[in-house]
PDB file of N, CA and C in Angstrom:
ATOM      1  N   MET A   1      58.683  67.610 116.586  1.00  0.00           N
ATOM      2  CA  MET A   1      57.552  67.534 115.515  1.00  0.00           C
ATOM      3  C   MET A   1      56.269  67.061 116.326  1.00  0.00           C
ATOM      4  N   ARG A   2      55.173  67.591 116.256  1.00  0.00           N
ATOM      5  CA  ARG A   2      53.893  67.037 116.741  1.00  0.00           C
ATOM      6  C   ARG A   2      53.452  65.997 115.728  1.00  0.00           C
ATOM      7  N   TYR A   3      53.484  65.197 116.803  1.00  0.00           N
ATOM      8  CA  TYR A   3      52.325  63.581 115.657  1.00  0.00           C
ATOM      9  C   TYR A   3      50.787  64.093 115.410  1.00  0.00           C
ATOM     10  N   ALA A   4      50.926  64.716 114.332  1.00  0.00           N
ATOM     11  CA  ALA A   4      49.101  64.685 113.820  1.00  0.00           C
ATOM     12  C   ALA A   4      49.396  64.821 112.689  1.00  0.00           C
ATOM     13  N   ALA A   5      48.240  64.110 112.211  1.00  0.00           N
ATOM     14  CA  ALA A   5      48.256  63.422 110.721  1.00  0.00           C
ATOM     15  C   ALA A   5      48.469  63.852 110.218  1.00  0.00           C
ATOM     16  N   SER A   6      48.361  65.368 110.078  1.00  0.00           N
ATOM     17  CA  SER A   6      48.455  66.246 108.881  1.00  0.00           C
ATOM     18  C   SER A   6      50.038  66.847 108.868  1.00  0.00           C
ATOM     19  N   ASN A   7      50.876  66.734 110.273  1.00  0.00           N
ATOM     20  CA  ASN A   7      52.006  66.785 110.112  1.00  0.00           C
ATOM     21  C   ASN A   7      53.192  65.991 109.702  1.00  0.00           C
ATOM     22  N   VAL A   8      52.251  64.551 109.697  1.00  0.00           N
ATOM     23  CA  VAL A   8      52.919  63.409 109.344  1.00  0.00           C
ATOM     24  C   VAL A   8      52.678  63.201 107.614  1.00  0.00           C
ATOM     25  N   THR A   9      51.733  63.672 107.338  1.00  0.00           N
ATOM     26  CA  THR A   9      51.074  63.477 106.310  1.00  0.00           C
ATOM     27  C   THR A   9      52.110  64.596 105.278  1.00  0.00           C
ATOM     28  N   THR A  10      52.174  65.909 106.050  1.00  0.00           N
ATOM     29  CA  THR A  10      53.165  66.539 105.201  1.00  0.00           C
ATOM     30  C   THR A  10      54.669  66.472 105.406  1.00  0.00           C
ATOM     31  N   PHE A  11      54.964  65.921 106.405  1.00  0.00           N
ATOM     32  CA  PHE A  11      56.740  65.125 105.909  1.00  0.00           C
ATOM     33  C   PHE A  11      56.721  64.282 105.337  1.00  0.00           C
ATOM     34  N   VAL A  12      55.698  63.318 104.922  1.00  0.00           N
ATOM     35  CA  VAL A  12      56.207  62.505 103.984  1.00  0.00           C
ATOM     36  C   VAL A  12      55.847  62.876 102.298  1.00  0.00           C
ATOM     37  N   MET A  13      54.818  64.087 102.540  1.00  0.00           N
ATOM     38  CA  MET A  13      54.955  64.602 101.092  1.00  0.00           C
ATOM     39  C   MET A  13      55.913  65.340 100.838  1.00  0.00           C
ATOM     40  N   LEU A  14      56.999  65.936 101.755  1.00  0.00           N
ATOM     41  CA  LEU A  14      57.968  66.824 102.089  1.00  0.00           C
ATOM     42  C   LEU A  14      59.498  65.783 101.406  1.00  0.00           C
ATOM     43  N   MET A  15      59.384  64.312 101.761  1.00  0.00           N
ATOM     44  CA  MET A  15      60.290  63.197 101.807  1.00  0.00           C
ATOM     45  C   MET A  15      59.956  63.248 100.383  1.00  0.00           C
ATOM     46  N   PHE A  16      58.915  62.391  99.910  1.00  0.00           N
ATOM     47  CA  PHE A  16      58.876  62.573  98.394  1.00  0.00           C
ATOM     48  C   PHE A  16      58.981  63.353  96.931  1.00  0.00           C
ATOM     49  N   THR A  17      58.530  64.776  97.958  1.00  0.00           N
ATOM     50  CA  THR A  17      59.040  66.242  96.537  1.00  0.00           C
ATOM     51  C   THR A  17      60.753  66.034  96.611  1.00  0.00           C
ATOM     52  N   VAL A  18      61.685  65.923  97.613  1.00  0.00           N
ATOM     53  CA  VAL A  18      63.253  65.881  97.599  1.00  0.00           C
ATOM     54  C   VAL A  18      63.611  64.242  96.546  1.00  0.00           C
ATOM     55  N   TRP A  19      62.585  63.493  97.098  1.00  0.00           N
ATOM     56  CA  TRP A  19      63.250  62.315  96.593  1.00  0.00           C
ATOM     57  C   TRP A  19      63.081  62.631  95.001  1.00  0.00           C
ATOM     58  N   ILE A  20      61.358  63.016  94.170  1.00  0.00           N
ATOM     59  CA  ILE A  20      61.178  63.605  92.884  1.00  0.00           C
ATOM     60  C   ILE A  20      62.142  64.496  92.549  1.00  0.00           C
ATOM     61  N   ILE A  21      63.225  65.390  93.253  1.00  0.00           N
ATOM     62  CA  ILE A  21      63.626  66.127  92.550  1.00  0.00           C
ATOM     63  C   ILE A  21      65.463  65.740  92.286  1.00  0.00           C
ATOM     64  N   ILE A  22      65.791  64.919  93.284  1.00  0.00           N
ATOM     65  CA  ILE A  22      66.646  63.474  92.709  1.00  0.00           C
ATOM     66  C   ILE A  22      66.296  63.002  91.724  1.00  0.00           C
ATOM     67  N   THR A  23      65.704  62.308  91.760  1.00  0.00           N
ATOM     68  CA  THR A  23      65.120  61.516  90.941  1.00  0.00           C
ATOM     69  C   THR A  23      65.056  61.980  89.404  1.00  0.00           C
ATOM     70  N   ARG A  24      64.970  63.747  89.365  1.00  0.00           N
ATOM     71  CA  ARG A  24      65.190  64.221  88.317  1.00  0.00           C
ATOM     72  C   ARG A  24      66.434  64.345  87.894  1.00  0.00           C
ATOM     73  N   PHE A  25      67.290  64.241  87.982  1.00  0.00           N
ATOM     74  CA  PHE A  25      68.547  64.570  88.018  1.00  0.00           C
ATOM     75  C   PHE A  25      69.344  63.608  87.637  1.00  0.00           C
ATOM     76  N   ARG A  26      69.017  62.054  88.182  1.00  0.00           N
ATOM     77  CA  ARG A  26      70.107  61.356  87.831  1.00  0.00           C
ATOM     78  C   ARG A  26      68.940  60.258  87.063  1.00  0.00           C
ATOM     79  N   SER A  27      67.676  60.746  86.244  1.00  0.00           N
ATOM     80  CA  SER A  27      66.995  60.043  85.413  1.00  0.00           C
ATOM     81  C   SER A  27      67.209  60.522  84.061  1.00  0.00           C
ATOM     82  N   LYS A  28      66.347  59.965  83.025  1.00  0.00           N
ATOM     83  CA  LYS A  28      65.745  60.613  81.867  1.00  0.00           C
ATOM     84  C   LYS A  28      64.415  61.398  82.269  1.00  0.00           C
ATOM     85  N   PRO A  29      64.270  62.369  81.185  1.00  0.00           N
ATOM     86  CA  PRO A  29      63.289  63.438  81.438  1.00  0.00           C
ATOM     87  C   PRO A  29      62.156  62.192  81.862  1.00  0.00           C
ATOM     88  N   ASP A  30      61.831  61.356  80.696  1.00  0.00           N
ATOM     89  CA  ASP A  30      60.771  61.111  80.204  1.00  0.00           C
ATOM     90  C   ASP A  30      60.220  59.604  81.192  1.00  0.00           C
ATOM     91  N   THR A  31      60.656  59.242  82.705  1.00  0.00           N
ATOM     92  CA  THR A  31      60.476  58.621  83.684  1.00  0.00           C
ATOM     93  C   THR A  31      59.125  59.218  84.449  1.00  0.00           C
ATOM     94  N   ASN A  32      58.523  57.691  84.582  1.00  0.00           N
ATOM     95  CA  ASN A  32      56.825  57.745  85.415  1.00  0.00           C
ATOM     96  C   ASN A  32      57.012  58.151  86.812  1.00  0.00           C
ATOM     97  N   TRP A  33      57.874  58.351  87.777  1.00  0.00           N
ATOM     98  CA  TRP A  33      57.452  58.719  88.980  1.00  0.00           C
ATOM     99  C   TRP A  33      57.209  60.169  89.244  1.00  0.00           C
ATOM    100  N   PRO A  34      56.991  61.003  88.412  1.00  0.00           N
ATOM    101  CA  PRO A  34      55.999  62.554  88.845  1.00  0.00           C
ATOM    102  C   PRO A  34      54.842  62.112  87.985  1.00  0.00           C
ATOM    103  N   LEU A  35      54.787  60.857  87.368  1.00  0.00           N
ATOM    104  CA  LEU A  35      53.162  61.412  86.805  1.00  0.00           C
ATOM    105  C   LEU A  35      52.919  60.533  88.037  1.00  0.00           C
ATOM    106  N   PHE A  36      53.240  59.050  89.415  1.00  0.00           N
ATOM    107  CA  PHE A  36      52.686  59.472  90.556  1.00  0.00           C
ATOM    108  C   PHE A  36      52.732  60.328  91.317  1.00  0.00           C
ATOM    109  N   TYR A  37      53.740  60.925  91.365  1.00  0.00           N
ATOM    110  CA  TYR A  37      54.332  62.207  92.282  1.00  0.00           C
ATOM    111  C   TYR A  37      52.683  62.856  92.436  1.00  0.00           C
ATOM    112  N   TYR A  38      52.627  63.636  91.184  1.00  0.00           N
ATOM    113  CA  TYR A  38      51.707  64.752  90.578  1.00  0.00           C
ATOM    114  C   TYR A  38      50.277  64.574  91.512  1.00  0.00           C
ATOM    115  N   PRO A  39      49.749  63.427  91.081  1.00  0.00           N
ATOM    116  CA  PRO A  39      48.338  63.112  91.406  1.00  0.00           C
ATOM    117  C   PRO A  39      48.327  62.937  93.292  1.00  0.00           C
ATOM    118  N   ALA A  40      49.713  62.288  93.652  1.00  0.00           N
ATOM    119  CA  ALA A  40      49.304  62.500  95.341  1.00  0.00           C
ATOM    120  C   ALA A  40      49.392  64.164  95.502  1.00  0.00           C
ATOM    121  N   VAL A  41      50.037  64.965  95.245  1.00  0.00           N
ATOM    122  CA  VAL A  41      50.097  66.348  95.550  1.00  0.00           C
ATOM    123  C   VAL A  41      49.166  66.870  95.284  1.00  0.00           C
ATOM    124  N   ILE A  42      48.139  66.640  94.302  1.00  0.00           N
ATOM    125  CA  ILE A  42      46.986  67.494  93.956  1.00  0.00           C
ATOM    126  C   ILE A  42      45.853  66.509  95.055  1.00  0.00           C
ATOM    127  N   ALA A  43      45.780  65.229  94.924  1.00  0.00           N
ATOM    128  CA  ALA A  43      44.854  64.917  96.124  1.00  0.00           C
ATOM    129  C   ALA A  43      45.190  65.534  97.688  1.00  0.00           C
ATOM    130  N   PHE A  44      46.364  66.126  97.834  1.00  0.00           N
ATOM    131  CA  PHE A  44      46.824  66.258  98.859  1.00  0.00           C
ATOM    132  C   PHE A  44      46.366  67.290  99.299  1.00  0.00           C
ATOM    133  N   HIS A  45      46.504  68.708  97.922  1.00  0.00           N
ATOM    134  CA  HIS A  45      45.932  69.714  98.049  1.00  0.00           C
ATOM    135  C   HIS A  45      44.463  70.033  98.007  1.00  0.00           C
ATOM    136  N   LEU A  46      43.463  68.847  97.344  1.00  0.00           N
ATOM    137  CA  LEU A  46      42.291  68.804  97.463  1.00  0.00           C
ATOM    138  C   LEU A  46      41.869  68.404  98.886  1.00  0.00           C
ATOM    139  N   SER A  47      42.379  67.769  99.369  1.00  0.00           N
ATOM    140  CA  SER A  47      41.947  67.224 101.203  1.00  0.00           C
ATOM    141  C   SER A  47      42.702  68.565 102.145  1.00  0.00           C
ATOM    142  N   VAL A  48      43.437  69.748 101.658  1.00  0.00           N
ATOM    143  CA  VAL A  48      43.666  70.336 102.411  1.00  0.00           C
ATOM    144  C   VAL A  48      43.789  71.561 101.670  1.00  0.00           C
ATOM    145  N   PRO A  49      42.768  72.469 101.653  1.00  0.00           N
ATOM    146  CA  PRO A  49      42.570  73.434 100.967  1.00  0.00           C
ATOM    147  C   PRO A  49      43.207  74.434 101.060  1.00  0.00           C
ATOM    148  N   GLY A  50      44.282  75.593 100.383  1.00  0.00           N
ATOM    149  CA  GLY A  50      44.968  76.724 100.740  1.00  0.00           C
ATOM    150  C   GLY A  50      46.180  76.396 101.302  1.00  0.00           C
ATOM    151  N   PHE A  51      46.442  74.900 101.298  1.00  0.00           N
ATOM    152  CA  PHE A  51      48.085  74.972 101.673  1.00  0.00           C
ATOM    153  C   PHE A  51      49.037  75.171 100.583  1.00  0.00           C
ATOM    154  N   LEU A  52      48.658  74.493  99.716  1.00  0.00           N
ATOM    155  CA  LEU A  52      49.770  74.739  98.404  1.00  0.00           C
ATOM    156  C   LEU A  52      49.528  76.010  97.422  1.00  0.00           C
ATOM    157  N   ASN A  53      50.366  76.532  96.907  1.00  0.00           N
ATOM    158  CA  ASN A  53      49.828  77.512  95.906  1.00  0.00           C
ATOM    159  C   ASN A  53      49.672  76.698  94.676  1.00  0.00           C
ATOM    160  N   GLU A  54      48.521  77.039  94.461  1.00  0.00           N
ATOM    161  CA  GLU A  54      48.112  76.240  93.327  1.00  0.00           C
ATOM    162  C   GLU A  54      48.607  76.599  91.749  1.00  0.00           C
ATOM    163  N   TRP A  55      49.039  77.971  91.260  1.00  0.00           N
ATOM    164  CA  TRP A  55      49.564  78.176  90.265  1.00  0.00           C
ATOM    165  C   TRP A  55      51.184  77.332  89.947  1.00  0.00           C
ATOM    166  N   ILE A  56      51.881  77.101  91.162  1.00  0.00           N
ATOM    167  CA  ILE A  56      52.977  76.190  91.412  1.00  0.00           C
ATOM    168  C   ILE A  56      52.860  74.869  91.042  1.00  0.00           C
ATOM    169  N   LEU A  57      51.599  74.499  91.520  1.00  0.00           N
ATOM    170  CA  LEU A  57      51.089  73.168  91.663  1.00  0.00           C
ATOM    171  C   LEU A  57      50.578  72.564  90.271  1.00  0.00           C
ATOM    172  N   TYR A  58      50.204  73.577  89.663  1.00  0.00           N
ATOM    173  CA  TYR A  58      49.933  72.907  88.184  1.00  0.00           C
ATOM    174  C   TYR A  58      51.133  73.416  86.979  1.00  0.00           C
ATOM    175  N   ALA A  59      51.513  74.261  87.659  1.00  0.00           N
ATOM    176  CA  ALA A  59      52.871  74.748  86.626  1.00  0.00           C
ATOM    177  C   ALA A  59      53.637  73.253  86.601  1.00  0.00           C
ATOM    178  N   GLY A  60      54.017  72.785  87.486  1.00  0.00           N
ATOM    179  CA  GLY A  60      54.481  71.406  87.472  1.00  0.00           C
ATOM    180  C   GLY A  60      54.235  70.348  86.736  1.00  0.00           C
ATOM    181  N   VAL A  61      52.535  70.153  87.232  1.00  0.00           N
ATOM    182  CA  VAL A  61      51.905  69.206  86.573  1.00  0.00           C
ATOM    183  C   VAL A  61      52.050  69.451  84.782  1.00  0.00           C
ATOM    184  N   VAL A  62      51.874  70.656  84.361  1.00  0.00           N
ATOM    185  CA  VAL A  62      52.179  70.723  82.996  1.00  0.00           C
ATOM    186  C   VAL A  62      53.261  70.168  82.196  1.00  0.00           C
ATOM    187  N   SER A  63      54.619  70.873  83.090  1.00  0.00           N
ATOM    188  CA  SER A  63      55.964  70.665  82.704  1.00  0.00           C
ATOM    189  C   SER A  63      56.292  69.075  83.063  1.00  0.00           C
ATOM    190  N   ALA A  64      55.484  68.511  83.906  1.00  0.00           N
ATOM    191  CA  ALA A  64      56.011  67.305  84.023  1.00  0.00           C
ATOM    192  C   ALA A  64      55.630  66.271  82.720  1.00  0.00           C
ATOM    193  N   LEU A  65      53.982  66.806  82.306  1.00  0.00           N
ATOM    194  CA  LEU A  65      53.441  65.815  80.876  1.00  0.00           C
ATOM    195  C   LEU A  65      54.421  66.290  79.916  1.00  0.00           C
ATOM    196  N   LEU A  66      54.694  67.549  79.828  1.00  0.00           N
ATOM    197  CA  LEU A  66      55.612  67.788  78.674  1.00  0.00           C
ATOM    198  C   LEU A  66      56.888  67.175  78.583  1.00  0.00           C
ATOM    199  N   LEU A  67      57.194  66.946  79.476  1.00  0.00           N
ATOM    200  CA  LEU A  67      58.893  66.463  79.742  1.00  0.00           C
ATOM    201  C   LEU A  67      58.240  64.575  79.422  1.00  0.00           C
ATOM    202  N   ARG A  68      57.140  64.239  79.687  1.00  0.00           N
ATOM    203  CA  ARG A  68      57.153  62.804  80.150  1.00  0.00           C
ATOM    204  C   ARG A  68      56.824  62.243  78.473  1.00  0.00           C
ATOM    205  N   PHE A  69      56.227  62.877  77.759  1.00  0.00           N
ATOM    206  CA  PHE A  69      55.623  62.562  76.321  1.00  0.00           C
ATOM    207  C   PHE A  69      56.362  63.509  75.683  1.00  0.00           C
ATOM    208  N   GLU A  70      57.411  63.765  76.334  1.00  0.00           N
ATOM    209  CA  GLU A  70      58.946  64.280  74.882  1.00  0.00           C
ATOM    210  C   GLU A  70      57.710  65.106  73.517  1.00  0.00           C
ATOM    211  N   PHE A  71      57.482  66.448  74.264  1.00  0.00           N
ATOM    212  CA  PHE A  71      57.052  67.103  73.252  1.00  0.00           C
ATOM    213  C   PHE A  71      58.254  68.334  72.921  1.00  0.00           C
ATOM    214  N   LEU A  72      58.995  68.360  73.388  1.00  0.00           N
ATOM    215  CA  LEU A  72      59.967  69.552  73.327  1.00  0.00           C
ATOM    216  C   LEU A  72      61.285  68.734  73.183  1.00  0.00           C
ATOM    217  N   GLY A  73      62.335  69.393  72.870  1.00  0.00           N
ATOM    218  CA  GLY A  73      63.474  69.215  72.273  1.00  0.00           C
ATOM    219  C   GLY A  73      64.396  70.472  72.871  1.00  0.00           C
ATOM    220  N   GLY A  74      65.726  70.194  72.570  1.00  0.00           N
ATOM    221  CA  GLY A  74      66.707  70.908  72.977  1.00  0.00           C
ATOM    222  C   GLY A  74      66.207  72.299  73.920  1.00  0.00           C
ATOM    223  N   PHE A  75      66.351  73.437  73.556  1.00  0.00           N
ATOM    224  CA  PHE A  75      66.739  74.731  74.637  1.00  0.00           C
ATOM    225  C   PHE A  75      64.976  74.657  75.200  1.00  0.00           C
ATOM    226  N   ALA A  76      64.066  74.757  74.426  1.00  0.00           N
ATOM    227  CA  ALA A  76      62.674  74.605  75.102  1.00  0.00           C
ATOM    228  C   ALA A  76      62.506  73.641  76.241  1.00  0.00           C
ATOM    229  N   GLY A  77      63.352  72.227  75.974  1.00  0.00           N
ATOM    230  CA  GLY A  77      63.162  71.072  76.643  1.00  0.00           C
ATOM    231  C   GLY A  77      63.666  70.812  78.243  1.00  0.00           C
ATOM    232  N   GLY A  78      65.204  72.417  77.844  1.00  0.00           N
ATOM    233  CA  GLY A  78      65.915  72.706  78.794  1.00  0.00           C
ATOM    234  C   GLY A  78      65.315  73.484  80.073  1.00  0.00           C
ATOM    235  N   PHE A  79      64.446  74.275  79.070  1.00  0.00           N
ATOM    236  CA  PHE A  79      63.576  75.441  79.877  1.00  0.00           C
ATOM    237  C   PHE A  79      62.323  74.627  80.588  1.00  0.00           C
ATOM    238  N   VAL A  80      62.124  73.799  79.882  1.00  0.00           N
ATOM    239  CA  VAL A  80      60.711  73.177  80.825  1.00  0.00           C
ATOM    240  C   VAL A  80      61.318  72.422  82.241  1.00  0.00           C
ATOM    241  N   ARG A  81      62.560  71.797  81.647  1.00  0.00           N
ATOM    242  CA  ARG A  81      63.600  70.903  83.084  1.00  0.00           C
ATOM    243  C   ARG A  81      63.313  72.103  84.049  1.00  0.00           C
ATOM    244  N   PHE A  82      64.158  72.685  83.797  1.00  0.00           N
ATOM    245  CA  PHE A  82      63.917  73.894  84.754  1.00  0.00           C
ATOM    246  C   PHE A  82      63.034  75.101  85.350  1.00  0.00           C
ATOM    247  N   LEU A  83      61.739  75.166  84.672  1.00  0.00           N
ATOM    248  CA  LEU A  83      60.232  74.916  85.091  1.00  0.00           C
ATOM    249  C   LEU A  83      60.085  74.333  86.571  1.00  0.00           C
ATOM    250  N   GLU A  84      60.377  73.003  85.569  1.00  0.00           N
ATOM    251  CA  GLU A  84      59.662  71.881  87.011  1.00  0.00           C
ATOM    252  C   GLU A  84      60.533  71.966  88.239  1.00  0.00           C
ATOM    253  N   LEU A  85      61.970  72.237  88.131  1.00  0.00           N
ATOM    254  CA  LEU A  85      62.423  71.916  88.788  1.00  0.00           C
ATOM    255  C   LEU A  85      62.128  73.183  89.988  1.00  0.00           C
ATOM    256  N   LEU A  86      62.166  74.305  89.279  1.00  0.00           N
ATOM    257  CA  LEU A  86      61.595  75.042  90.391  1.00  0.00           C
ATOM    258  C   LEU A  86      60.559  75.227  91.053  1.00  0.00           C
ATOM    259  N   CYS A  87      59.681  74.466  90.520  1.00  0.00           N
ATOM    260  CA  CYS A  87      57.986  74.054  90.756  1.00  0.00           C
ATOM    261  C   CYS A  87      58.423  73.038  91.870  1.00  0.00           C
ATOM    262  N   LEU A  88      59.173  72.205  91.938  1.00  0.00           N
ATOM    263  CA  LEU A  88      59.390  71.260  92.832  1.00  0.00           C
ATOM    264  C   LEU A  88      60.042  71.503  93.767  1.00  0.00           C
ATOM    265  N   ILE A  89      61.032  72.543  93.812  1.00  0.00           N
ATOM    266  CA  ILE A  89      61.716  73.740  95.183  1.00  0.00           C
ATOM    267  C   ILE A  89      60.796  74.116  95.859  1.00  0.00           C
ATOM    268  N   GLY A  90      59.792  75.113  94.808  1.00  0.00           N
ATOM    269  CA  GLY A  90      58.914  75.694  95.447  1.00  0.00           C
ATOM    270  C   GLY A  90      57.455  75.105  96.182  1.00  0.00           C
ATOM    271  N   LEU A  91      56.954  73.578  95.905  1.00  0.00           N
ATOM    272  CA  LEU A  91      56.394  72.773  96.650  1.00  0.00           C
ATOM    273  C   LEU A  91      57.157  72.120  97.738  1.00  0.00           C
ATOM    274  N   ALA A  92      58.422  71.890  97.803  1.00  0.00           N
ATOM    275  CA  ALA A  92      59.073  71.463  98.624  1.00  0.00           C
ATOM    276  C   ALA A  92      59.267  72.782  99.880  1.00  0.00           C
ATOM    277  N   TYR A  93      59.830  73.920  99.595  1.00  0.00           N
ATOM    278  CA  TYR A  93      59.600  74.870 100.364  1.00  0.00           C
ATOM    279  C   TYR A  93      58.268  75.232 101.420  1.00  0.00           C
ATOM    280  N   GLN A  94      57.428  75.128 100.423  1.00  0.00           N
ATOM    281  CA  GLN A  94      55.776  75.505 101.659  1.00  0.00           C
ATOM    282  C   GLN A  94      55.361  73.867 101.921  1.00  0.00           C
ATOM    283  N   PHE A  95      55.760  73.141 101.854  1.00  0.00           N
ATOM    284  CA  PHE A  95      55.797  71.743 102.447  1.00  0.00           C
ATOM    285  C   PHE A  95      56.484  71.467 103.758  1.00  0.00           C
ATOM    286  N   GLY A  96      57.983  72.645 103.584  1.00  0.00           N
ATOM    287  CA  GLY A  96      58.402  72.560 104.914  1.00  0.00           C
ATOM    288  C   GLY A  96      57.919  73.399 105.514  1.00  0.00           C
ATOM    289  N   GLY A  97      57.892  74.130 104.905  1.00  0.00           N
ATOM    290  CA  GLY A  97      57.098  76.028 106.211  1.00  0.00           C
ATOM    291  C   GLY A  97      55.900  75.197 107.004  1.00  0.00           C
ATOM    292  N   ARG A  98      55.255  74.253 106.834  1.00  0.00           N
ATOM    293  CA  ARG A  98      54.017  73.683 106.958  1.00  0.00           C
ATOM    294  C   ARG A  98      54.470  72.603 108.267  1.00  0.00           C
ATOM    295  N   VAL A  99      55.310  72.092 107.902  1.00  0.00           N
ATOM    296  CA  VAL A  99      55.648  70.441 109.048  1.00  0.00           C
ATOM    297  C   VAL A  99      56.059  71.431 110.252  1.00  0.00           C
ATOM    298  N   THR A 100      55.147  71.445 111.678  1.00  0.00           N
ATOM    299  CA  THR A 100      55.516  72.213 112.836  1.00  0.00           C
ATOM    300  C   THR A 100      56.267  71.116 113.749  1.00  0.00           C
ATOM    301  N   MET A 101      57.189  72.134 114.352  1.00  0.00           N
ATOM    302  CA  MET A 101      58.169  71.138 115.203  1.00  0.00           C
ATOM    303  C   MET A 101      57.541  71.208 117.167  1.00  0.00           C
TER     304      MET A 101
END
């Protein structure tokens, strides 16, 4: 891995994304960690434009907010959880593809 600032930051964001995915499986849906994660990802996206897919990013933000403030339950809540998981996996894939060796 080349030790450039963008590579190290991208690697840190990749590890943060993986940690959020694990946290989503182990804790309740109304945890506060995604409220810290998504502003960091948005700040990363704004500092490096064109790096992440905006649709995946903002779909994850909306689904995390819906889960955090418990607007949904039952089947709809499960669907939103699945949507957020897909968005997190997509973000992890994008971060992983940008870390250069």
